[in-house]
Amino acid sequence: RRSTDPAIAALGMALIAGVLLAMATVYFCVVRRAPSPAQQALFDAFASREFAYLLVLLTLAGRLDWFLWLSAVGTYAFSIGLVVLGRHRPAA
């Protein structure tokens, strides 16, 4: 559905930026080096496809804007979580 609300467009841009940030964070924290157990647990939790059920429910409820908000905030939370969890690695 199209919206003329500029807040939705700004939110979409924030989501795109968040996805790019999350991709870079995964590369540096998970792909380039072995993640800590806490990082791996966070990655596994966010990598699940269970969000698809939420998407269906919000679509049926006519609240796709909520999914956009949750996705935008979630991408930044995920990236911050990976970085923070990676800073507390035990010394080898």
PDB file of N, CA and C in Angstrom:
ATOM      1  N   ARG A   1       0.849  -1.161   0.000  1.00  0.00           N
ATOM      2  CA  ARG A   1       0.000   0.000   0.000  1.00  0.00           C
ATOM      3  C   ARG A   1       0.899   1.229   0.000  1.00  0.00           C
ATOM      4  N   ARG A   2       0.524   2.204  -0.731  1.00  0.00           N
ATOM      5  CA  ARG A   2       1.306   3.431  -0.810  1.00  0.00           C
ATOM      6  C   ARG A   2       0.870   4.407   0.266  1.00  0.00           C
ATOM      7  N   SER A   3       1.837   5.187   0.716  1.00  0.00           N
ATOM      8  CA  SER A   3       1.554   6.185   1.740  1.00  0.00           C
ATOM      9  C   SER A   3       2.207   7.495   1.330  1.00  0.00           C
ATOM     10  N   THR A   4       1.526   8.583   1.603  1.00  0.00           N
ATOM     11  CA  THR A   4       2.100   9.899   1.334  1.00  0.00           C
ATOM     12  C   THR A   4       2.720  10.492   2.590  1.00  0.00           C
ATOM     13  N   ASP A   5       2.723   9.722   3.662  1.00  0.00           N
ATOM     14  CA  ASP A   5       3.286  10.183   4.927  1.00  0.00           C
ATOM     15  C   ASP A   5       4.810  10.220   4.826  1.00  0.00           C
ATOM     16  N   PRO A   6       5.424  11.401   4.975  1.00  0.00           N
ATOM     17  CA  PRO A   6       6.887  11.471   4.879  1.00  0.00           C
ATOM     18  C   PRO A   6       7.600  10.691   5.984  1.00  0.00           C
ATOM     19  N   ALA A   7       6.927  10.464   7.096  1.00  0.00           N
ATOM     20  CA  ALA A   7       7.539   9.684   8.177  1.00  0.00           C
ATOM     21  C   ALA A   7       7.771   8.244   7.733  1.00  0.00           C
ATOM     22  N   ILE A   8       6.865   7.703   6.930  1.00  0.00           N
ATOM     23  CA  ILE A   8       7.023   6.333   6.433  1.00  0.00           C
ATOM     24  C   ILE A   8       8.228   6.254   5.495  1.00  0.00           C
ATOM     25  N   ALA A   9       8.403   7.261   4.655  1.00  0.00           N
ATOM     26  CA  ALA A   9       9.564   7.279   3.757  1.00  0.00           C
ATOM     27  C   ALA A   9      10.859   7.379   4.555  1.00  0.00           C
ATOM     28  N   ALA A  10      10.877   8.217   5.573  1.00  0.00           N
ATOM     29  CA  ALA A  10      12.068   8.353   6.417  1.00  0.00           C
ATOM     30  C   ALA A  10      12.349   7.051   7.158  1.00  0.00           C
ATOM     31  N   LEU A  11      11.299   6.408   7.611  1.00  0.00           N
ATOM     32  CA  LEU A  11      11.450   5.133   8.301  1.00  0.00           C
ATOM     33  C   LEU A  11      12.006   4.068   7.358  1.00  0.00           C
ATOM     34  N   GLY A  12      11.537   4.070   6.126  1.00  0.00           N
ATOM     35  CA  GLY A  12      12.062   3.137   5.130  1.00  0.00           C
ATOM     36  C   GLY A  12      13.542   3.361   4.869  1.00  0.00           C
ATOM     37  N   MET A  13      13.942   4.614   4.802  1.00  0.00           N
ATOM     38  CA  MET A  13      15.364   4.924   4.605  1.00  0.00           C
ATOM     39  C   MET A  13      16.185   4.498   5.825  1.00  0.00           C
ATOM     40  N   ALA A  14      15.632   4.702   7.016  1.00  0.00           N
ATOM     41  CA  ALA A  14      16.322   4.266   8.237  1.00  0.00           C
ATOM     42  C   ALA A  14      16.463   2.749   8.254  1.00  0.00           C
ATOM     43  N   LEU A  15      15.446   2.051   7.770  1.00  0.00           N
ATOM     44  CA  LEU A  15      15.504   0.591   7.707  1.00  0.00           C
ATOM     45  C   LEU A  15      16.582   0.136   6.727  1.00  0.00           C
ATOM     46  N   ILE A  16      16.657   0.766   5.581  1.00  0.00           N
ATOM     47  CA  ILE A  16      17.690   0.411   4.596  1.00  0.00           C
ATOM     48  C   ILE A  16      19.082   0.636   5.182  1.00  0.00           C
ATOM     49  N   ALA A  17      19.280   1.771   5.838  1.00  0.00           N
ATOM     50  CA  ALA A  17      20.575   2.050   6.470  1.00  0.00           C
ATOM     51  C   ALA A  17      20.872   1.026   7.566  1.00  0.00           C
ATOM     52  N   GLY A  18      19.854   0.656   8.325  1.00  0.00           N
ATOM     53  CA  GLY A  18      20.032  -0.337   9.386  1.00  0.00           C
ATOM     54  C   GLY A  18      20.404  -1.702   8.845  1.00  0.00           C
ATOM     55  N   VAL A  19      19.805  -2.080   7.735  1.00  0.00           N
ATOM     56  CA  VAL A  19      20.135  -3.367   7.113  1.00  0.00           C
ATOM     57  C   VAL A  19      21.585  -3.355   6.623  1.00  0.00           C
ATOM     58  N   LEU A  20      22.006  -2.265   6.015  1.00  0.00           N
ATOM     59  CA  LEU A  20      23.402  -2.165   5.563  1.00  0.00           C
ATOM     60  C   LEU A  20      24.364  -2.220   6.748  1.00  0.00           C
ATOM     61  N   LEU A  21      24.009  -1.543   7.839  1.00  0.00           N
ATOM     62  CA  LEU A  21      24.827  -1.592   9.048  1.00  0.00           C
ATOM     63  C   LEU A  21      24.880  -3.011   9.608  1.00  0.00           C
ATOM     64  N   ALA A  22      23.749  -3.686   9.639  1.00  0.00           N
ATOM     65  CA  ALA A  22      23.702  -5.060  10.155  1.00  0.00           C
ATOM     66  C   ALA A  22      24.551  -5.994   9.292  1.00  0.00           C
ATOM     67  N   MET A  23      24.505  -5.810   7.982  1.00  0.00           N
ATOM     68  CA  MET A  23      25.324  -6.644   7.097  1.00  0.00           C
ATOM     69  C   MET A  23      26.810  -6.444   7.386  1.00  0.00           C
ATOM     70  N   ALA A  24      27.221  -5.194   7.548  1.00  0.00           N
ATOM     71  CA  ALA A  24      28.627  -4.913   7.846  1.00  0.00           C
ATOM     72  C   ALA A  24      29.012  -5.474   9.210  1.00  0.00           C
ATOM     73  N   THR A  25      28.126  -5.338  10.183  1.00  0.00           N
ATOM     74  CA  THR A  25      28.408  -5.842  11.528  1.00  0.00           C
ATOM     75  C   THR A  25      28.550  -7.359  11.522  1.00  0.00           C
ATOM     76  N   VAL A  26      27.678  -8.052  10.809  1.00  0.00           N
ATOM     77  CA  VAL A  26      27.779  -9.513  10.716  1.00  0.00           C
ATOM     78  C   VAL A  26      29.097  -9.899  10.049  1.00  0.00           C
ATOM     79  N   TYR A  27      29.468  -9.184   9.021  1.00  0.00           N
ATOM     80  CA  TYR A  27      30.729  -9.502   8.349  1.00  0.00           C
ATOM     81  C   TYR A  27      31.906  -9.392   9.319  1.00  0.00           C
ATOM     82  N   PHE A  28      31.978  -8.287  10.049  1.00  0.00           N
ATOM     83  CA  PHE A  28      33.121  -8.069  10.938  1.00  0.00           C
ATOM     84  C   PHE A  28      33.058  -8.889  12.226  1.00  0.00           C
ATOM     85  N   CYS A  29      31.867  -9.187  12.723  1.00  0.00           N
ATOM     86  CA  CYS A  29      31.743  -9.881  14.019  1.00  0.00           C
ATOM     87  C   CYS A  29      31.507 -11.382  13.914  1.00  0.00           C
ATOM     88  N   VAL A  30      31.042 -11.866  12.768  1.00  0.00           N
ATOM     89  CA  VAL A  30      30.691 -13.285  12.653  1.00  0.00           C
ATOM     90  C   VAL A  30      31.456 -13.973  11.525  1.00  0.00           C
ATOM     91  N   VAL A  31      31.589 -13.320  10.390  1.00  0.00           N
ATOM     92  CA  VAL A  31      32.209 -13.955   9.220  1.00  0.00           C
ATOM     93  C   VAL A  31      33.732 -13.877   9.282  1.00  0.00           C
ATOM     94  N   ARG A  32      34.261 -12.700   9.558  1.00  0.00           N
ATOM     95  CA  ARG A  32      35.716 -12.498   9.540  1.00  0.00           C
ATOM     96  C   ARG A  32      36.452 -13.210  10.650  1.00  0.00           C
ATOM     97  N   ARG A  33      35.809 -13.357  11.776  1.00  0.00           N
ATOM     98  CA  ARG A  33      36.429 -14.064  12.895  1.00  0.00           C
ATOM     99  C   ARG A  33      35.359 -14.868  13.607  1.00  0.00           C
ATOM    100  N   ALA A  34      35.786 -15.846  14.341  1.00  0.00           N
ATOM    101  CA  ALA A  34      34.820 -16.695  15.049  1.00  0.00           C
ATOM    102  C   ALA A  34      34.089 -15.865  16.107  1.00  0.00           C
ATOM    103  N   PRO A  35      32.773 -15.926  16.102  1.00  0.00           N
ATOM    104  CA  PRO A  35      32.025 -15.148  17.093  1.00  0.00           C
ATOM    105  C   PRO A  35      32.122 -15.782  18.475  1.00  0.00           C
ATOM    106  N   SER A  36      31.922 -14.953  19.488  1.00  0.00           N
ATOM    107  CA  SER A  36      31.844 -15.480  20.853  1.00  0.00           C
ATOM    108  C   SER A  36      30.545 -16.278  20.969  1.00  0.00           C
ATOM    109  N   PRO A  37      30.422 -17.131  21.968  1.00  0.00           N
ATOM    110  CA  PRO A  37      29.160 -17.871  22.140  1.00  0.00           C
ATOM    111  C   PRO A  37      27.946 -16.941  22.271  1.00  0.00           C
ATOM    112  N   ALA A  38      28.131 -15.814  22.948  1.00  0.00           N
ATOM    113  CA  ALA A  38      27.019 -14.864  23.096  1.00  0.00           C
ATOM    114  C   ALA A  38      26.660 -14.231  21.753  1.00  0.00           C
ATOM    115  N   GLN A  39      27.664 -13.877  20.963  1.00  0.00           N
ATOM    116  CA  GLN A  39      27.402 -13.325  19.631  1.00  0.00           C
ATOM    117  C   GLN A  39      26.695 -14.352  18.756  1.00  0.00           C
ATOM    118  N   GLN A  40      27.145 -15.603  18.825  1.00  0.00           N
ATOM    119  CA  GLN A  40      26.526 -16.653  18.013  1.00  0.00           C
ATOM    120  C   GLN A  40      25.074 -16.859  18.412  1.00  0.00           C
ATOM    121  N   ALA A  41      24.794 -16.817  19.711  1.00  0.00           N
ATOM    122  CA  ALA A  41      23.416 -16.981  20.181  1.00  0.00           C
ATOM    123  C   ALA A  41      22.530 -15.843  19.681  1.00  0.00           C
ATOM    124  N   LEU A  42      23.039 -14.608  19.729  1.00  0.00           N
ATOM    125  CA  LEU A  42      22.268 -13.463  19.225  1.00  0.00           C
ATOM    126  C   LEU A  42      22.046 -13.595  17.726  1.00  0.00           C
ATOM    127  N   PHE A  43      23.093 -13.962  17.000  1.00  0.00           N
ATOM    128  CA  PHE A  43      22.979 -14.132  15.552  1.00  0.00           C
ATOM    129  C   PHE A  43      21.936 -15.191  15.210  1.00  0.00           C
ATOM    130  N   ASP A  44      21.991 -16.328  15.901  1.00  0.00           N
ATOM    131  CA  ASP A  44      21.031 -17.405  15.644  1.00  0.00           C
ATOM    132  C   ASP A  44      19.601 -16.968  15.945  1.00  0.00           C
ATOM    133  N   ALA A  45      19.421 -16.195  17.013  1.00  0.00           N
ATOM    134  CA  ALA A  45      18.075 -15.734  17.376  1.00  0.00           C
ATOM    135  C   ALA A  45      17.503 -14.796  16.313  1.00  0.00           C
ATOM    136  N   PHE A  46      18.322 -13.894  15.790  1.00  0.00           N
ATOM    137  CA  PHE A  46      17.836 -12.939  14.795  1.00  0.00           C
ATOM    138  C   PHE A  46      17.783 -13.534  13.396  1.00  0.00           C
ATOM    139  N   ALA A  47      18.539 -14.609  13.156  1.00  0.00           N
ATOM    140  CA  ALA A  47      18.575 -15.212  11.821  1.00  0.00           C
ATOM    141  C   ALA A  47      17.398 -16.148  11.568  1.00  0.00           C
ATOM    142  N   SER A  48      16.610 -16.408  12.580  1.00  0.00           N
ATOM    143  CA  SER A  48      15.461 -17.300  12.381  1.00  0.00           C
ATOM    144  C   SER A  48      14.438 -16.624  11.474  1.00  0.00           C
ATOM    145  N   ARG A  49      13.607 -17.414  10.880  1.00  0.00           N
ATOM    146  CA  ARG A  49      12.601 -16.878   9.950  1.00  0.00           C
ATOM    147  C   ARG A  49      11.238 -16.722  10.612  1.00  0.00           C
ATOM    148  N   GLU A  50      11.205 -16.783  11.918  1.00  0.00           N
ATOM    149  CA  GLU A  50       9.934 -16.713  12.624  1.00  0.00           C
ATOM    150  C   GLU A  50       9.264 -15.350  12.503  1.00  0.00           C
ATOM    151  N   PHE A  51      10.031 -14.322  12.105  1.00  0.00           N
ATOM    152  CA  PHE A  51       9.432 -13.009  11.916  1.00  0.00           C
ATOM    153  C   PHE A  51       8.395 -13.027  10.793  1.00  0.00           C
ATOM    154  N   ALA A  52       8.481 -14.016   9.914  1.00  0.00           N
ATOM    155  CA  ALA A  52       7.525 -14.113   8.805  1.00  0.00           C
ATOM    156  C   ALA A  52       6.105 -14.300   9.324  1.00  0.00           C
ATOM    157  N   TYR A  53       5.957 -15.001  10.446  1.00  0.00           N
ATOM    158  CA  TYR A  53       4.626 -15.174  11.037  1.00  0.00           C
ATOM    159  C   TYR A  53       4.086 -13.837  11.530  1.00  0.00           C
ATOM    160  N   LEU A  54       4.961 -13.030  12.108  1.00  0.00           N
ATOM    161  CA  LEU A  54       4.552 -11.703  12.559  1.00  0.00           C
ATOM    162  C   LEU A  54       4.131 -10.848  11.371  1.00  0.00           C
ATOM    163  N   LEU A  55       4.852 -10.961  10.271  1.00  0.00           N
ATOM    164  CA  LEU A  55       4.509 -10.208   9.069  1.00  0.00           C
ATOM    165  C   LEU A  55       3.109 -10.562   8.584  1.00  0.00           C
ATOM    166  N   VAL A  56       2.782 -11.837   8.579  1.00  0.00           N
ATOM    167  CA  VAL A  56       1.446 -12.277   8.156  1.00  0.00           C
ATOM    168  C   VAL A  56       0.381 -11.720   9.096  1.00  0.00           C
ATOM    169  N   LEU A  57       0.615 -11.825  10.394  1.00  0.00           N
ATOM    170  CA  LEU A  57      -0.367 -11.337  11.365  1.00  0.00           C
ATOM    171  C   LEU A  57      -0.580  -9.828  11.251  1.00  0.00           C
ATOM    172  N   LEU A  58       0.503  -9.082  11.109  1.00  0.00           N
ATOM    173  CA  LEU A  58       0.364  -7.629  10.987  1.00  0.00           C
ATOM    174  C   LEU A  58      -0.289  -7.237   9.664  1.00  0.00           C
ATOM    175  N   THR A  59      -0.053  -8.012   8.623  1.00  0.00           N
ATOM    176  CA  THR A  59      -0.723  -7.760   7.345  1.00  0.00           C
ATOM    177  C   THR A  59      -2.225  -7.956   7.490  1.00  0.00           C
ATOM    178  N   LEU A  60      -2.608  -9.047   8.126  1.00  0.00           N
ATOM    179  CA  LEU A  60      -4.034  -9.310   8.338  1.00  0.00           C
ATOM    180  C   LEU A  60      -4.679  -8.238   9.211  1.00  0.00           C
ATOM    181  N   ALA A  61      -3.913  -7.691  10.147  1.00  0.00           N
ATOM    182  CA  ALA A  61      -4.433  -6.648  11.033  1.00  0.00           C
ATOM    183  C   ALA A  61      -4.365  -5.265  10.393  1.00  0.00           C
ATOM    184  N   GLY A  62      -3.769  -5.171   9.202  1.00  0.00           N
ATOM    185  CA  GLY A  62      -3.650  -3.879   8.535  1.00  0.00           C
ATOM    186  C   GLY A  62      -2.634  -2.961   9.197  1.00  0.00           C
ATOM    187  N   ARG A  63      -1.607  -3.536   9.826  1.00  0.00           N
ATOM    188  CA  ARG A  63      -0.618  -2.749  10.563  1.00  0.00           C
ATOM    189  C   ARG A  63       0.804  -3.020  10.071  1.00  0.00           C
ATOM    190  N   LEU A  64       1.006  -2.961   8.782  1.00  0.00           N
ATOM    191  CA  LEU A  64       2.354  -3.171   8.249  1.00  0.00           C
ATOM    192  C   LEU A  64       3.326  -2.088   8.708  1.00  0.00           C
ATOM    193  N   ASP A  65       2.802  -0.917   9.062  1.00  0.00           N
ATOM    194  CA  ASP A  65       3.675   0.138   9.568  1.00  0.00           C
ATOM    195  C   ASP A  65       4.360  -0.295  10.866  1.00  0.00           C
ATOM    196  N   TRP A  66       3.696  -1.115  11.665  1.00  0.00           N
ATOM    197  CA  TRP A  66       4.318  -1.626  12.888  1.00  0.00           C
ATOM    198  C   TRP A  66       5.507  -2.512  12.541  1.00  0.00           C
ATOM    199  N   PHE A  67       5.353  -3.330  11.513  1.00  0.00           N
ATOM    200  CA  PHE A  67       6.461  -4.195  11.089  1.00  0.00           C
ATOM    201  C   PHE A  67       7.647  -3.347  10.638  1.00  0.00           C
ATOM    202  N   LEU A  68       7.359  -2.259   9.949  1.00  0.00           N
ATOM    203  CA  LEU A  68       8.416  -1.362   9.498  1.00  0.00           C
ATOM    204  C   LEU A  68       9.154  -0.762  10.698  1.00  0.00           C
ATOM    205  N   TRP A  69       8.412  -0.320  11.697  1.00  0.00           N
ATOM    206  CA  TRP A  69       9.023   0.222  12.915  1.00  0.00           C
ATOM    207  C   TRP A  69       9.864  -0.833  13.622  1.00  0.00           C
ATOM    208  N   LEU A  70       9.290  -2.006  13.827  1.00  0.00           N
ATOM    209  CA  LEU A  70      10.009  -3.077  14.523  1.00  0.00           C
ATOM    210  C   LEU A  70      11.271  -3.488  13.768  1.00  0.00           C
ATOM    211  N   SER A  71      11.178  -3.555  12.461  1.00  0.00           N
ATOM    212  CA  SER A  71      12.338  -3.939  11.646  1.00  0.00           C
ATOM    213  C   SER A  71      13.429  -2.879  11.712  1.00  0.00           C
ATOM    214  N   ALA A  72      13.028  -1.622  11.610  1.00  0.00           N
ATOM    215  CA  ALA A  72      14.012  -0.539  11.651  1.00  0.00           C
ATOM    216  C   ALA A  72      14.741  -0.518  12.990  1.00  0.00           C
ATOM    217  N   VAL A  73      14.012  -0.582  14.072  1.00  0.00           N
ATOM    218  CA  VAL A  73      14.634  -0.574  15.401  1.00  0.00           C
ATOM    219  C   VAL A  73      15.448  -1.851  15.616  1.00  0.00           C
ATOM    220  N   GLY A  74      14.922  -2.972  15.160  1.00  0.00           N
ATOM    221  CA  GLY A  74      15.586  -4.257  15.363  1.00  0.00           C
ATOM    222  C   GLY A  74      16.933  -4.367  14.679  1.00  0.00           C
ATOM    223  N   THR A  75      17.083  -3.772  13.506  1.00  0.00           N
ATOM    224  CA  THR A  75      18.370  -3.859  12.811  1.00  0.00           C
ATOM    225  C   THR A  75      19.466  -3.156  13.598  1.00  0.00           C
ATOM    226  N   TYR A  76      19.140  -1.996  14.167  1.00  0.00           N
ATOM    227  CA  TYR A  76      20.127  -1.265  14.965  1.00  0.00           C
ATOM    228  C   TYR A  76      20.406  -1.986  16.282  1.00  0.00           C
ATOM    229  N   ALA A  77      19.368  -2.525  16.915  1.00  0.00           N
ATOM    230  CA  ALA A  77      19.549  -3.271  18.168  1.00  0.00           C
ATOM    231  C   ALA A  77      20.441  -4.492  17.936  1.00  0.00           C
ATOM    232  N   PHE A  78      20.227  -5.178  16.837  1.00  0.00           N
ATOM    233  CA  PHE A  78      21.035  -6.348  16.484  1.00  0.00           C
ATOM    234  C   PHE A  78      22.501  -5.961  16.315  1.00  0.00           C
ATOM    235  N   SER A  79      22.759  -4.905  15.566  1.00  0.00           N
ATOM    236  CA  SER A  79      24.139  -4.471  15.326  1.00  0.00           C
ATOM    237  C   SER A  79      24.823  -4.055  16.621  1.00  0.00           C
ATOM    238  N   ILE A  80      24.129  -3.277  17.426  1.00  0.00           N
ATOM    239  CA  ILE A  80      24.699  -2.841  18.704  1.00  0.00           C
ATOM    240  C   ILE A  80      24.971  -4.052  19.595  1.00  0.00           C
ATOM    241  N   GLY A  81      24.040  -4.990  19.617  1.00  0.00           N
ATOM    242  CA  GLY A  81      24.215  -6.191  20.429  1.00  0.00           C
ATOM    243  C   GLY A  81      25.430  -7.000  20.019  1.00  0.00           C
ATOM    244  N   LEU A  82      25.625  -7.192  18.725  1.00  0.00           N
ATOM    245  CA  LEU A  82      26.799  -7.949  18.260  1.00  0.00           C
ATOM    246  C   LEU A  82      28.100  -7.272  18.670  1.00  0.00           C
ATOM    247  N   VAL A  83      28.144  -5.959  18.530  1.00  0.00           N
ATOM    248  CA  VAL A  83      29.368  -5.230  18.882  1.00  0.00           C
ATOM    249  C   VAL A  83      29.618  -5.298  20.386  1.00  0.00           C
ATOM    250  N   VAL A  84      28.591  -5.046  21.178  1.00  0.00           N
ATOM    251  CA  VAL A  84      28.750  -5.067  22.639  1.00  0.00           C
ATOM    252  C   VAL A  84      29.150  -6.456  23.124  1.00  0.00           C
ATOM    253  N   LEU A  85      28.506  -7.476  22.620  1.00  0.00           N
ATOM    254  CA  LEU A  85      28.839  -8.839  23.038  1.00  0.00           C
ATOM    255  C   LEU A  85      30.241  -9.244  22.601  1.00  0.00           C
ATOM    256  N   GLY A  86      30.716  -8.679  21.519  1.00  0.00           N
ATOM    257  CA  GLY A  86      32.063  -8.981  21.046  1.00  0.00           C
ATOM    258  C   GLY A  86      33.152  -8.286  21.842  1.00  0.00           C
ATOM    259  N   ARG A  87      32.806  -7.234  22.543  1.00  0.00           N
ATOM    260  CA  ARG A  87      33.797  -6.492  23.327  1.00  0.00           C
ATOM    261  C   ARG A  87      34.136  -7.199  24.628  1.00  0.00           C
ATOM    262  N   HIS A  88      33.298  -8.111  25.048  1.00  0.00           N
ATOM    263  CA  HIS A  88      33.496  -8.782  26.329  1.00  0.00           C
ATOM    264  C   HIS A  88      34.030 -10.197  26.137  1.00  0.00           C
ATOM    265  N   ARG A  89      34.947 -10.356  25.216  1.00  0.00           N
ATOM    266  CA  ARG A  89      35.551 -11.671  24.973  1.00  0.00           C
ATOM    267  C   ARG A  89      36.587 -11.951  26.056  1.00  0.00           C
ATOM    268  N   PRO A  90      36.609 -13.183  26.537  1.00  0.00           N
ATOM    269  CA  PRO A  90      37.663 -13.537  27.499  1.00  0.00           C
ATOM    270  C   PRO A  90      39.025 -13.573  26.808  1.00  0.00           C
ATOM    271  N   ALA A  91      40.049 -13.250  27.549  1.00  0.00           N
ATOM    272  CA  ALA A  91      41.406 -13.261  26.984  1.00  0.00           C
ATOM    273  C   ALA A  91      41.809 -14.690  26.638  1.00  0.00           C
ATOM    274  N   ALA A  92      42.484 -14.839  25.500  1.00  0.00           N
ATOM    275  CA  ALA A  92      42.880 -16.184  25.045  1.00  0.00           C
ATOM    276  C   ALA A  92      44.147 -16.645  25.704  1.00  0.00           C
TER     277      ALA A  92
END
